[in-house]
Amino acid sequence: MKLFLGGGGGGADSIELDKKFVASLDLSKPLLYIPIATNTAKYHYSGCVAWLSSVLGPLGVKNIVMWTEEDLRAKTKEEFVQFSGIYIGGGNTYKLLKELKEFETFDILSTLAKEGMPIYGGSAGAIILAKTIIPAGFLDENKVGLTDFSGLNLVQGYDVWCHYTGNEDDSIRDYMKRFNLEKIIAIPEDAGLTVSEKEIEEVGPGKVKFF
């Protein structure tokens, strides 16, 4: 398993994690980009792929294929294996999880992760890799009526709190008590994690905090 969890910062914030992600890829194959968490009323998908290209292009990723809602509805697992890895972008975590489950992409991602495909999650994309997405409620609104908050549970039983500034410790402990969450990893914007079956490694200058 090769997972990369970003705290939600910009390209300069995530550069160390991005480099590790790119190093895990077979650059002869395209990278799949899933940006469906984004607010398309503010950010058009064409702008999303331009942004990711500006971040990963200088690191050697020249071929990025973007799949949005219409694409994902029709894709089978066999169509994912052509890619070197998957980048799941940020935005609204509830929308992202709801649609991935509706499109059956959720189960495909679980299988691919366990088979060793590198998967990068930024902000919302990182939160869905955890046990639940309950910590997303601190910043996101559940406008899509999601009722099943279970994530992919690939981060050794942790929940993930992104955009951590160091000032949310009381809120995190409140979430843990109120929602019976056993453990949370809080990731600032200038930090990230690499996750395998056996190890969680901190990446970047920011300080990750384990609750």
N, C-alpha and C. Protein backbone atom coordinates (compact mmCIF):
# COMPACT_ATOMS: atom_id res chain seq x y z
N MET A 1 0.84 -1.19 0.00
CA MET A 1 0.00 0.00 0.00
C MET A 1 0.88 1.25 0.00
N LYS A 2 0.57 2.17 -0.89
CA LYS A 2 1.36 3.40 -1.01
C LYS A 2 0.40 4.59 -1.04
N LEU A 3 0.16 5.16 0.14
CA LEU A 3 -0.76 6.28 0.25
C LEU A 3 -0.01 7.55 0.61
N PHE A 4 -0.52 8.68 0.11
CA PHE A 4 0.09 9.98 0.35
C PHE A 4 -1.03 10.94 0.74
N LEU A 5 -0.98 11.46 1.97
CA LEU A 5 -2.05 12.29 2.50
C LEU A 5 -1.54 13.71 2.70
N GLY A 6 -2.14 14.66 1.99
CA GLY A 6 -1.74 16.05 2.09
C GLY A 6 -2.68 16.84 2.99
N GLY A 7 -2.13 17.79 3.74
CA GLY A 7 -2.92 18.56 4.69
C GLY A 7 -3.79 19.64 4.10
N GLY A 8 -3.64 19.90 2.80
CA GLY A 8 -4.54 20.83 2.14
C GLY A 8 -3.93 22.15 1.71
N GLY A 9 -2.61 22.26 1.76
CA GLY A 9 -1.96 23.50 1.34
C GLY A 9 -1.73 23.55 -0.16
N GLY A 10 -1.14 24.64 -0.63
CA GLY A 10 -0.84 24.82 -2.04
C GLY A 10 0.39 24.03 -2.45
N GLY A 11 0.80 24.23 -3.70
CA GLY A 11 1.91 23.47 -4.25
C GLY A 11 3.21 23.64 -3.49
N ALA A 12 3.48 24.87 -3.02
CA ALA A 12 4.71 25.10 -2.26
C ALA A 12 4.67 24.39 -0.92
N ASP A 13 3.47 24.30 -0.32
CA ASP A 13 3.32 23.63 0.97
C ASP A 13 3.55 22.13 0.87
N SER A 14 3.14 21.55 -0.25
CA SER A 14 3.14 20.08 -0.38
C SER A 14 4.32 19.54 -1.16
N ILE A 15 5.31 20.37 -1.48
CA ILE A 15 6.36 19.97 -2.41
C ILE A 15 7.09 18.70 -1.97
N GLU A 16 7.37 18.55 -0.69
CA GLU A 16 8.10 17.36 -0.25
C GLU A 16 7.26 16.10 -0.42
N LEU A 17 5.97 16.19 -0.08
CA LEU A 17 5.08 15.05 -0.27
C LEU A 17 4.88 14.76 -1.76
N ASP A 18 4.74 15.80 -2.56
CA ASP A 18 4.56 15.63 -4.00
C ASP A 18 5.75 14.89 -4.62
N LYS A 19 6.95 15.24 -4.17
CA LYS A 19 8.14 14.58 -4.70
C LYS A 19 8.14 13.08 -4.38
N LYS A 20 7.73 12.74 -3.16
CA LYS A 20 7.67 11.33 -2.79
C LYS A 20 6.61 10.59 -3.61
N PHE A 21 5.49 11.24 -3.84
CA PHE A 21 4.43 10.64 -4.67
C PHE A 21 4.93 10.38 -6.08
N VAL A 22 5.54 11.39 -6.68
CA VAL A 22 6.02 11.25 -8.06
C VAL A 22 7.09 10.15 -8.15
N ALA A 23 7.92 10.05 -7.13
CA ALA A 23 8.96 9.01 -7.12
C ALA A 23 8.38 7.61 -7.11
N SER A 24 7.13 7.48 -6.66
CA SER A 24 6.48 6.16 -6.61
C SER A 24 5.81 5.78 -7.92
N LEU A 25 5.74 6.71 -8.87
CA LEU A 25 5.00 6.50 -10.11
C LEU A 25 5.87 5.95 -11.22
N ASP A 26 5.25 5.21 -12.11
CA ASP A 26 5.86 4.82 -13.38
C ASP A 26 5.49 5.92 -14.38
N LEU A 27 6.43 6.81 -14.65
CA LEU A 27 6.12 8.00 -15.44
C LEU A 27 5.89 7.70 -16.92
N SER A 28 6.03 6.44 -17.31
CA SER A 28 5.67 6.07 -18.69
C SER A 28 4.16 5.91 -18.84
N LYS A 29 3.45 5.88 -17.70
CA LYS A 29 2.00 5.74 -17.71
C LYS A 29 1.35 7.06 -17.26
N PRO A 30 0.11 7.31 -17.67
CA PRO A 30 -0.57 8.53 -17.23
C PRO A 30 -0.96 8.46 -15.76
N LEU A 31 -1.17 9.63 -15.17
CA LEU A 31 -1.68 9.76 -13.81
C LEU A 31 -3.16 10.10 -13.89
N LEU A 32 -3.98 9.43 -13.08
CA LEU A 32 -5.41 9.72 -13.03
C LEU A 32 -5.69 10.78 -11.97
N TYR A 33 -6.44 11.79 -12.35
CA TYR A 33 -6.82 12.88 -11.44
C TYR A 33 -8.34 12.87 -11.25
N ILE A 34 -8.78 12.79 -10.00
CA ILE A 34 -10.21 12.80 -9.66
C ILE A 34 -10.49 14.07 -8.85
N PRO A 35 -11.08 15.11 -9.47
CA PRO A 35 -11.28 16.39 -8.79
C PRO A 35 -12.71 16.65 -8.34
N ILE A 36 -13.53 15.61 -8.20
CA ILE A 36 -14.98 15.82 -8.06
C ILE A 36 -15.41 16.43 -6.74
N ALA A 37 -14.48 16.58 -5.79
CA ALA A 37 -14.84 17.26 -4.54
C ALA A 37 -14.93 18.77 -4.72
N THR A 38 -14.36 19.28 -5.78
CA THR A 38 -14.25 20.73 -5.94
C THR A 38 -15.60 21.40 -6.15
N ASN A 39 -15.67 22.66 -5.80
CA ASN A 39 -16.87 23.47 -6.01
C ASN A 39 -16.80 24.04 -7.43
N THR A 40 -17.51 23.39 -8.35
CA THR A 40 -17.41 23.80 -9.76
C THR A 40 -18.09 25.13 -10.04
N ALA A 41 -18.87 25.65 -9.09
CA ALA A 41 -19.43 26.98 -9.26
C ALA A 41 -18.33 28.03 -9.16
N LYS A 42 -17.24 27.68 -8.47
CA LYS A 42 -16.12 28.60 -8.31
C LYS A 42 -14.92 28.22 -9.17
N TYR A 43 -14.70 26.90 -9.31
CA TYR A 43 -13.50 26.43 -9.98
C TYR A 43 -13.89 25.42 -11.06
N HIS A 44 -13.71 25.80 -12.31
CA HIS A 44 -14.03 24.89 -13.42
C HIS A 44 -13.02 23.76 -13.46
N TYR A 45 -13.46 22.60 -13.91
CA TYR A 45 -12.56 21.44 -13.95
C TYR A 45 -11.32 21.70 -14.81
N SER A 46 -11.45 22.48 -15.86
CA SER A 46 -10.28 22.77 -16.70
C SER A 46 -9.21 23.51 -15.90
N GLY A 47 -9.65 24.36 -14.98
CA GLY A 47 -8.71 25.04 -14.12
C GLY A 47 -8.05 24.11 -13.12
N CYS A 48 -8.80 23.10 -12.69
CA CYS A 48 -8.25 22.11 -11.75
C CYS A 48 -7.09 21.34 -12.37
N VAL A 49 -7.30 20.86 -13.58
CA VAL A 49 -6.24 20.07 -14.21
C VAL A 49 -5.06 20.96 -14.57
N ALA A 50 -5.31 22.22 -14.90
CA ALA A 50 -4.20 23.14 -15.16
C ALA A 50 -3.39 23.36 -13.89
N TRP A 51 -4.08 23.45 -12.75
CA TRP A 51 -3.37 23.63 -11.48
C TRP A 51 -2.51 22.41 -11.16
N LEU A 52 -3.10 21.21 -11.28
CA LEU A 52 -2.32 20.02 -10.96
C LEU A 52 -1.12 19.86 -11.89
N SER A 53 -1.31 20.22 -13.14
CA SER A 53 -0.19 20.17 -14.09
C SER A 53 0.92 21.13 -13.69
N SER A 54 0.54 22.28 -13.16
CA SER A 54 1.55 23.26 -12.74
C SER A 54 2.31 22.79 -11.51
N VAL A 55 1.66 21.96 -10.69
CA VAL A 55 2.29 21.45 -9.47
C VAL A 55 3.17 20.24 -9.77
N LEU A 56 2.64 19.28 -10.51
CA LEU A 56 3.35 18.02 -10.73
C LEU A 56 4.17 17.99 -12.01
N GLY A 57 3.84 18.88 -12.96
CA GLY A 57 4.60 18.93 -14.22
C GLY A 57 6.08 19.15 -14.01
N PRO A 58 6.48 20.13 -13.18
CA PRO A 58 7.91 20.35 -12.95
C PRO A 58 8.62 19.18 -12.29
N LEU A 59 7.85 18.28 -11.69
CA LEU A 59 8.44 17.11 -11.05
C LEU A 59 8.52 15.91 -11.99
N GLY A 60 8.02 16.10 -13.23
CA GLY A 60 8.15 15.05 -14.23
C GLY A 60 6.87 14.40 -14.69
N VAL A 61 5.73 14.79 -14.10
CA VAL A 61 4.45 14.20 -14.50
C VAL A 61 3.90 15.00 -15.69
N LYS A 62 3.96 14.43 -16.86
CA LYS A 62 3.57 15.14 -18.08
C LYS A 62 2.23 14.70 -18.65
N ASN A 63 1.73 13.57 -18.19
CA ASN A 63 0.49 13.03 -18.75
C ASN A 63 -0.53 12.82 -17.63
N ILE A 64 -1.48 13.74 -17.52
CA ILE A 64 -2.51 13.67 -16.49
C ILE A 64 -3.87 13.51 -17.17
N VAL A 65 -4.60 12.47 -16.79
CA VAL A 65 -5.94 12.22 -17.31
C VAL A 65 -6.94 12.53 -16.20
N MET A 66 -7.90 13.38 -16.48
CA MET A 66 -8.90 13.76 -15.48
C MET A 66 -10.21 13.03 -15.75
N TRP A 67 -10.74 12.39 -14.70
CA TRP A 67 -12.08 11.80 -14.77
C TRP A 67 -12.99 12.52 -13.80
N THR A 68 -14.12 13.01 -14.30
CA THR A 68 -15.11 13.67 -13.46
C THR A 68 -16.32 12.75 -13.29
N GLU A 69 -17.41 13.29 -12.81
CA GLU A 69 -18.57 12.45 -12.45
C GLU A 69 -19.04 11.57 -13.60
N GLU A 70 -19.20 12.15 -14.78
CA GLU A 70 -19.71 11.37 -15.91
C GLU A 70 -18.77 10.23 -16.28
N ASP A 71 -17.48 10.46 -16.16
CA ASP A 71 -16.51 9.40 -16.46
C ASP A 71 -16.60 8.27 -15.44
N LEU A 72 -16.58 8.64 -14.16
CA LEU A 72 -16.50 7.64 -13.10
C LEU A 72 -17.72 6.74 -13.05
N ARG A 73 -18.87 7.27 -13.44
CA ARG A 73 -20.10 6.46 -13.43
C ARG A 73 -19.96 5.18 -14.28
N ALA A 74 -19.14 5.26 -15.31
CA ALA A 74 -19.10 4.17 -16.28
C ALA A 74 -17.84 3.31 -16.20
N LYS A 75 -16.94 3.61 -15.24
CA LYS A 75 -15.64 2.93 -15.24
C LYS A 75 -15.63 1.68 -14.38
N THR A 76 -14.95 0.66 -14.89
CA THR A 76 -14.73 -0.56 -14.15
C THR A 76 -13.29 -0.58 -13.62
N LYS A 77 -13.01 -1.50 -12.71
CA LYS A 77 -11.66 -1.58 -12.14
C LYS A 77 -10.62 -1.78 -13.23
N GLU A 78 -10.95 -2.55 -14.25
CA GLU A 78 -9.97 -2.84 -15.30
C GLU A 78 -9.52 -1.57 -16.01
N GLU A 79 -10.35 -0.54 -16.03
CA GLU A 79 -9.99 0.69 -16.71
C GLU A 79 -9.08 1.58 -15.86
N PHE A 80 -8.95 1.27 -14.59
CA PHE A 80 -8.07 2.04 -13.71
C PHE A 80 -6.61 1.56 -13.77
N VAL A 81 -6.41 0.32 -14.18
CA VAL A 81 -5.06 -0.25 -14.08
C VAL A 81 -4.09 0.31 -15.12
N GLN A 82 -4.60 1.08 -16.07
CA GLN A 82 -3.72 1.71 -17.06
C GLN A 82 -2.89 2.84 -16.47
N PHE A 83 -3.26 3.29 -15.26
CA PHE A 83 -2.63 4.47 -14.68
C PHE A 83 -1.47 4.11 -13.74
N SER A 84 -0.56 5.05 -13.60
CA SER A 84 0.57 4.87 -12.69
C SER A 84 0.18 5.14 -11.25
N GLY A 85 -0.86 5.93 -11.05
CA GLY A 85 -1.33 6.29 -9.73
C GLY A 85 -2.58 7.14 -9.84
N ILE A 86 -3.13 7.51 -8.68
CA ILE A 86 -4.37 8.29 -8.64
C ILE A 86 -4.18 9.46 -7.70
N TYR A 87 -4.61 10.64 -8.14
CA TYR A 87 -4.58 11.85 -7.31
C TYR A 87 -6.02 12.29 -7.07
N ILE A 88 -6.44 12.31 -5.81
CA ILE A 88 -7.81 12.70 -5.45
C ILE A 88 -7.74 14.09 -4.81
N GLY A 89 -8.35 15.05 -5.46
CA GLY A 89 -8.23 16.44 -5.03
C GLY A 89 -9.16 16.81 -3.89
N GLY A 90 -8.98 18.04 -3.41
CA GLY A 90 -9.74 18.54 -2.27
C GLY A 90 -11.03 19.22 -2.67
N GLY A 91 -11.76 19.65 -1.65
CA GLY A 91 -13.06 20.29 -1.83
C GLY A 91 -13.99 19.85 -0.72
N ASN A 92 -15.23 19.54 -1.06
CA ASN A 92 -16.21 19.12 -0.06
C ASN A 92 -16.13 17.61 0.15
N THR A 93 -15.77 17.21 1.36
CA THR A 93 -15.55 15.80 1.65
C THR A 93 -16.83 14.98 1.54
N TYR A 94 -17.96 15.56 1.94
CA TYR A 94 -19.23 14.83 1.88
C TYR A 94 -19.62 14.53 0.44
N LYS A 95 -19.49 15.52 -0.42
CA LYS A 95 -19.80 15.32 -1.85
C LYS A 95 -18.89 14.24 -2.44
N LEU A 96 -17.62 14.34 -2.13
CA LEU A 96 -16.65 13.39 -2.67
C LEU A 96 -17.00 11.96 -2.27
N LEU A 97 -17.21 11.74 -0.98
CA LEU A 97 -17.48 10.38 -0.52
C LEU A 97 -18.80 9.86 -1.06
N LYS A 98 -19.82 10.69 -1.05
CA LYS A 98 -21.14 10.27 -1.54
C LYS A 98 -21.06 9.80 -2.99
N GLU A 99 -20.39 10.58 -3.82
CA GLU A 99 -20.33 10.24 -5.25
C GLU A 99 -19.43 9.03 -5.50
N LEU A 100 -18.32 8.93 -4.80
CA LEU A 100 -17.46 7.77 -4.98
C LEU A 100 -18.20 6.48 -4.63
N LYS A 101 -19.04 6.54 -3.61
CA LYS A 101 -19.81 5.35 -3.24
C LYS A 101 -20.92 5.08 -4.26
N GLU A 102 -21.59 6.12 -4.72
CA GLU A 102 -22.65 5.94 -5.70
C GLU A 102 -22.12 5.38 -7.01
N PHE A 103 -20.92 5.80 -7.42
CA PHE A 103 -20.34 5.35 -8.69
C PHE A 103 -19.62 4.01 -8.55
N GLU A 104 -19.57 3.47 -7.33
CA GLU A 104 -18.84 2.23 -7.01
C GLU A 104 -17.33 2.39 -7.17
N THR A 105 -16.88 3.64 -7.26
CA THR A 105 -15.44 3.92 -7.32
C THR A 105 -14.79 3.67 -5.97
N PHE A 106 -15.56 3.83 -4.91
CA PHE A 106 -15.07 3.64 -3.54
C PHE A 106 -14.45 2.25 -3.38
N ASP A 107 -15.18 1.23 -3.79
CA ASP A 107 -14.67 -0.14 -3.66
C ASP A 107 -13.48 -0.40 -4.57
N ILE A 108 -13.49 0.22 -5.74
CA ILE A 108 -12.36 0.08 -6.67
C ILE A 108 -11.11 0.68 -6.05
N LEU A 109 -11.24 1.86 -5.44
CA LEU A 109 -10.09 2.52 -4.81
C LEU A 109 -9.53 1.66 -3.68
N SER A 110 -10.42 1.06 -2.90
CA SER A 110 -9.98 0.19 -1.81
C SER A 110 -9.14 -0.97 -2.35
N THR A 111 -9.62 -1.60 -3.40
CA THR A 111 -8.90 -2.73 -3.99
C THR A 111 -7.56 -2.29 -4.57
N LEU A 112 -7.57 -1.19 -5.31
CA LEU A 112 -6.34 -0.71 -5.94
C LEU A 112 -5.29 -0.33 -4.90
N ALA A 113 -5.73 0.32 -3.82
CA ALA A 113 -4.79 0.69 -2.76
C ALA A 113 -4.14 -0.54 -2.16
N LYS A 114 -4.94 -1.56 -1.90
CA LYS A 114 -4.41 -2.78 -1.29
C LYS A 114 -3.53 -3.56 -2.25
N GLU A 115 -3.72 -3.32 -3.55
CA GLU A 115 -2.87 -3.97 -4.55
C GLU A 115 -1.58 -3.19 -4.81
N GLY A 116 -1.44 -2.00 -4.19
CA GLY A 116 -0.19 -1.27 -4.28
C GLY A 116 -0.17 -0.08 -5.21
N MET A 117 -1.30 0.29 -5.80
CA MET A 117 -1.29 1.47 -6.65
C MET A 117 -1.10 2.73 -5.79
N PRO A 118 -0.17 3.61 -6.13
CA PRO A 118 0.01 4.84 -5.37
C PRO A 118 -1.24 5.72 -5.46
N ILE A 119 -1.72 6.17 -4.31
CA ILE A 119 -2.90 7.04 -4.25
C ILE A 119 -2.58 8.24 -3.38
N TYR A 120 -2.80 9.41 -3.93
CA TYR A 120 -2.57 10.68 -3.24
C TYR A 120 -3.92 11.32 -2.94
N GLY A 121 -4.12 11.70 -1.69
CA GLY A 121 -5.32 12.43 -1.31
C GLY A 121 -4.95 13.77 -0.73
N GLY A 122 -5.47 14.84 -1.31
CA GLY A 122 -5.24 16.18 -0.77
C GLY A 122 -6.47 16.67 -0.05
N SER A 123 -6.36 17.02 1.23
CA SER A 123 -7.47 17.54 2.03
C SER A 123 -8.64 16.56 2.02
N ALA A 124 -9.75 16.87 1.35
CA ALA A 124 -10.88 15.93 1.30
C ALA A 124 -10.44 14.57 0.79
N GLY A 125 -9.55 14.57 -0.18
CA GLY A 125 -9.04 13.31 -0.72
C GLY A 125 -8.27 12.50 0.30
N ALA A 126 -7.64 13.19 1.26
CA ALA A 126 -6.94 12.50 2.35
C ALA A 126 -7.93 11.98 3.39
N ILE A 127 -8.94 12.79 3.70
CA ILE A 127 -9.89 12.43 4.76
C ILE A 127 -10.65 11.15 4.42
N ILE A 128 -11.01 10.95 3.15
CA ILE A 128 -11.78 9.75 2.79
C ILE A 128 -10.95 8.48 2.91
N LEU A 129 -9.63 8.60 2.96
CA LEU A 129 -8.78 7.41 3.11
C LEU A 129 -8.78 6.89 4.54
N ALA A 130 -9.30 7.69 5.47
CA ALA A 130 -9.28 7.35 6.89
C ALA A 130 -10.49 6.50 7.28
N LYS A 131 -10.63 6.25 8.58
CA LYS A 131 -11.69 5.37 9.07
C LYS A 131 -13.07 5.95 8.82
N THR A 132 -13.25 7.24 9.14
CA THR A 132 -14.49 7.96 8.84
C THR A 132 -14.13 9.34 8.32
N ILE A 133 -15.14 10.06 7.84
CA ILE A 133 -14.90 11.45 7.43
C ILE A 133 -15.50 12.41 8.45
N ILE A 134 -15.82 11.94 9.63
CA ILE A 134 -16.47 12.78 10.64
C ILE A 134 -15.71 14.07 10.93
N PRO A 135 -14.37 14.07 11.02
CA PRO A 135 -13.67 15.33 11.29
C PRO A 135 -13.86 16.40 10.21
N ALA A 136 -14.30 16.00 9.02
CA ALA A 136 -14.55 16.99 7.96
C ALA A 136 -15.63 17.99 8.36
N GLY A 137 -16.50 17.59 9.29
CA GLY A 137 -17.59 18.47 9.70
C GLY A 137 -17.14 19.76 10.34
N PHE A 138 -15.88 19.84 10.76
CA PHE A 138 -15.37 21.07 11.35
C PHE A 138 -15.31 22.20 10.33
N LEU A 139 -15.05 21.87 9.05
CA LEU A 139 -14.91 22.89 8.01
C LEU A 139 -15.93 22.74 6.88
N ASP A 140 -16.40 21.53 6.62
CA ASP A 140 -17.30 21.28 5.49
C ASP A 140 -18.76 21.24 5.92
N GLU A 141 -19.64 21.52 4.95
CA GLU A 141 -21.08 21.36 5.17
C GLU A 141 -21.57 20.13 4.41
N ASN A 142 -22.45 19.39 5.06
CA ASN A 142 -23.03 18.19 4.45
C ASN A 142 -24.27 18.59 3.65
N LYS A 143 -24.04 19.22 2.51
CA LYS A 143 -25.15 19.70 1.67
C LYS A 143 -25.76 18.59 0.82
N VAL A 144 -25.09 17.44 0.74
CA VAL A 144 -25.56 16.37 -0.13
C VAL A 144 -26.36 15.31 0.62
N GLY A 145 -26.55 15.51 1.92
CA GLY A 145 -27.36 14.58 2.70
C GLY A 145 -26.71 13.23 2.93
N LEU A 146 -25.39 13.20 3.01
CA LEU A 146 -24.69 11.94 3.25
C LEU A 146 -25.01 11.42 4.66
N THR A 147 -25.29 10.13 4.76
CA THR A 147 -25.60 9.54 6.07
C THR A 147 -24.59 8.47 6.49
N ASP A 148 -23.85 7.93 5.54
CA ASP A 148 -22.83 6.92 5.85
C ASP A 148 -21.46 7.60 5.76
N PHE A 149 -20.84 7.82 6.92
CA PHE A 149 -19.60 8.58 6.97
C PHE A 149 -18.36 7.70 7.00
N SER A 150 -18.50 6.42 6.76
CA SER A 150 -17.36 5.52 6.80
C SER A 150 -16.45 5.75 5.60
N GLY A 151 -15.16 5.88 5.91
CA GLY A 151 -14.17 6.07 4.86
C GLY A 151 -13.55 4.74 4.44
N LEU A 152 -12.45 4.83 3.71
CA LEU A 152 -11.79 3.63 3.20
C LEU A 152 -11.03 2.87 4.29
N ASN A 153 -10.76 3.54 5.41
CA ASN A 153 -10.11 2.91 6.57
C ASN A 153 -8.79 2.26 6.18
N LEU A 154 -7.93 3.06 5.55
CA LEU A 154 -6.62 2.57 5.10
C LEU A 154 -5.47 3.17 5.89
N VAL A 155 -5.79 3.94 6.96
CA VAL A 155 -4.76 4.67 7.69
C VAL A 155 -4.65 4.12 9.12
N GLN A 156 -4.54 2.81 9.21
CA GLN A 156 -4.33 2.12 10.48
C GLN A 156 -5.35 2.51 11.55
N GLY A 157 -6.59 2.66 11.13
CA GLY A 157 -7.67 2.94 12.07
C GLY A 157 -7.81 4.39 12.49
N TYR A 158 -7.01 5.28 11.93
CA TYR A 158 -7.08 6.71 12.27
C TYR A 158 -8.17 7.41 11.49
N ASP A 159 -8.72 8.47 12.08
CA ASP A 159 -9.43 9.50 11.35
C ASP A 159 -8.43 10.62 11.04
N VAL A 160 -8.74 11.44 10.04
CA VAL A 160 -7.80 12.47 9.59
C VAL A 160 -8.45 13.85 9.67
N TRP A 161 -7.71 14.78 10.25
CA TRP A 161 -8.13 16.18 10.38
C TRP A 161 -7.16 17.02 9.55
N CYS A 162 -7.63 17.66 8.50
CA CYS A 162 -6.77 18.46 7.62
C CYS A 162 -6.85 19.95 7.95
N HIS A 163 -5.96 20.71 7.35
CA HIS A 163 -5.87 22.17 7.56
C HIS A 163 -5.64 22.51 9.03
N TYR A 164 -4.92 21.66 9.72
CA TYR A 164 -4.65 21.84 11.15
C TYR A 164 -3.72 23.03 11.37
N THR A 165 -4.10 23.92 12.27
CA THR A 165 -3.28 25.11 12.55
C THR A 165 -2.61 25.06 13.92
N GLY A 166 -2.99 24.10 14.75
CA GLY A 166 -2.48 24.05 16.11
C GLY A 166 -3.42 24.65 17.12
N ASN A 167 -4.50 25.28 16.62
CA ASN A 167 -5.45 25.93 17.52
C ASN A 167 -6.73 25.13 17.72
N GLU A 168 -6.79 23.93 17.14
CA GLU A 168 -8.03 23.16 17.16
C GLU A 168 -8.02 22.00 18.14
N ASP A 169 -7.04 21.94 19.02
CA ASP A 169 -6.90 20.77 19.88
C ASP A 169 -8.15 20.50 20.71
N ASP A 170 -8.75 21.55 21.26
CA ASP A 170 -9.97 21.35 22.05
C ASP A 170 -11.10 20.84 21.17
N SER A 171 -11.20 21.36 19.95
CA SER A 171 -12.24 20.91 19.03
C SER A 171 -12.02 19.45 18.64
N ILE A 172 -10.78 19.07 18.43
CA ILE A 172 -10.48 17.69 18.07
C ILE A 172 -10.85 16.74 19.20
N ARG A 173 -10.50 17.11 20.42
CA ARG A 173 -10.85 16.26 21.56
C ARG A 173 -12.37 16.19 21.74
N ASP A 174 -13.06 17.30 21.46
CA ASP A 174 -14.52 17.30 21.53
C ASP A 174 -15.11 16.36 20.50
N TYR A 175 -14.58 16.38 19.28
CA TYR A 175 -15.05 15.47 18.23
C TYR A 175 -14.82 14.02 18.64
N MET A 176 -13.67 13.75 19.22
CA MET A 176 -13.35 12.38 19.62
C MET A 176 -14.34 11.89 20.67
N LYS A 177 -14.66 12.76 21.61
CA LYS A 177 -15.60 12.37 22.67
C LYS A 177 -17.02 12.27 22.14
N ARG A 178 -17.43 13.28 21.34
CA ARG A 178 -18.82 13.35 20.90
C ARG A 178 -19.17 12.23 19.92
N PHE A 179 -18.21 11.88 19.06
CA PHE A 179 -18.49 10.89 18.01
C PHE A 179 -17.78 9.55 18.27
N ASN A 180 -17.21 9.41 19.45
CA ASN A 180 -16.57 8.15 19.83
C ASN A 180 -15.46 7.77 18.84
N LEU A 181 -14.63 8.73 18.51
CA LEU A 181 -13.49 8.49 17.62
C LEU A 181 -12.28 8.11 18.46
N GLU A 182 -11.63 7.04 18.11
CA GLU A 182 -10.55 6.52 18.94
C GLU A 182 -9.24 7.26 18.76
N LYS A 183 -8.93 7.64 17.51
CA LYS A 183 -7.66 8.32 17.27
C LYS A 183 -7.74 9.16 16.00
N ILE A 184 -7.07 10.30 16.04
CA ILE A 184 -7.09 11.25 14.94
C ILE A 184 -5.66 11.69 14.64
N ILE A 185 -5.33 11.81 13.37
CA ILE A 185 -4.10 12.47 12.94
C ILE A 185 -4.47 13.83 12.38
N ALA A 186 -3.88 14.89 12.95
CA ALA A 186 -4.12 16.26 12.49
C ALA A 186 -2.95 16.71 11.62
N ILE A 187 -3.26 17.09 10.36
CA ILE A 187 -2.22 17.41 9.39
C ILE A 187 -2.31 18.89 9.00
N PRO A 188 -1.26 19.68 9.25
CA PRO A 188 -1.27 21.07 8.80
C PRO A 188 -1.08 21.17 7.29
N GLU A 189 -1.30 22.34 6.76
CA GLU A 189 -1.23 22.51 5.31
C GLU A 189 0.17 22.30 4.75
N ASP A 190 1.18 22.54 5.57
CA ASP A 190 2.56 22.39 5.08
C ASP A 190 3.18 21.05 5.52
N ALA A 191 2.32 20.05 5.63
CA ALA A 191 2.82 18.72 5.99
C ALA A 191 1.96 17.66 5.32
N GLY A 192 2.41 16.43 5.43
CA GLY A 192 1.66 15.31 4.88
C GLY A 192 2.12 14.02 5.50
N LEU A 193 1.55 12.93 5.03
CA LEU A 193 1.89 11.60 5.52
C LEU A 193 2.08 10.66 4.35
N THR A 194 2.99 9.72 4.49
CA THR A 194 3.00 8.55 3.63
C THR A 194 2.56 7.38 4.51
N VAL A 195 1.73 6.52 3.94
CA VAL A 195 1.14 5.43 4.71
C VAL A 195 1.31 4.11 3.95
N SER A 196 1.82 3.11 4.65
CA SER A 196 1.87 1.75 4.13
C SER A 196 1.14 0.86 5.13
N GLU A 197 1.14 -0.44 4.87
CA GLU A 197 0.48 -1.35 5.80
C GLU A 197 1.11 -1.30 7.19
N LYS A 198 2.39 -1.04 7.25
CA LYS A 198 3.12 -1.13 8.52
C LYS A 198 3.55 0.21 9.10
N GLU A 199 3.54 1.28 8.30
CA GLU A 199 4.21 2.50 8.77
C GLU A 199 3.46 3.75 8.32
N ILE A 200 3.45 4.74 9.21
CA ILE A 200 2.99 6.09 8.89
C ILE A 200 4.18 7.03 9.07
N GLU A 201 4.54 7.75 8.01
CA GLU A 201 5.71 8.63 8.06
C GLU A 201 5.28 10.08 7.82
N GLU A 202 5.76 10.99 8.65
CA GLU A 202 5.49 12.41 8.47
C GLU A 202 6.40 12.98 7.39
N VAL A 203 5.85 13.90 6.59
CA VAL A 203 6.60 14.51 5.50
C VAL A 203 6.36 16.01 5.53
N GLY A 204 7.41 16.79 5.33
CA GLY A 204 7.26 18.23 5.23
C GLY A 204 7.65 18.95 6.51
N PRO A 205 7.74 20.28 6.44
CA PRO A 205 8.21 21.06 7.58
C PRO A 205 7.17 21.20 8.70
N GLY A 206 5.88 21.09 8.37
CA GLY A 206 4.84 21.24 9.38
C GLY A 206 4.82 20.08 10.35
N LYS A 207 4.26 20.33 11.51
CA LYS A 207 4.23 19.31 12.56
C LYS A 207 2.86 18.63 12.61
N VAL A 208 2.84 17.37 12.24
CA VAL A 208 1.65 16.53 12.35
C VAL A 208 1.44 16.19 13.82
N LYS A 209 0.18 16.15 14.27
CA LYS A 209 -0.09 15.81 15.68
C LYS A 209 -1.01 14.60 15.75
N PHE A 210 -0.65 13.66 16.60
CA PHE A 210 -1.41 12.43 16.78
C PHE A 210 -2.22 12.53 18.08
N PHE A 211 -3.53 12.32 17.98
CA PHE A 211 -4.41 12.34 19.15
C PHE A 211 -4.89 10.92 19.42
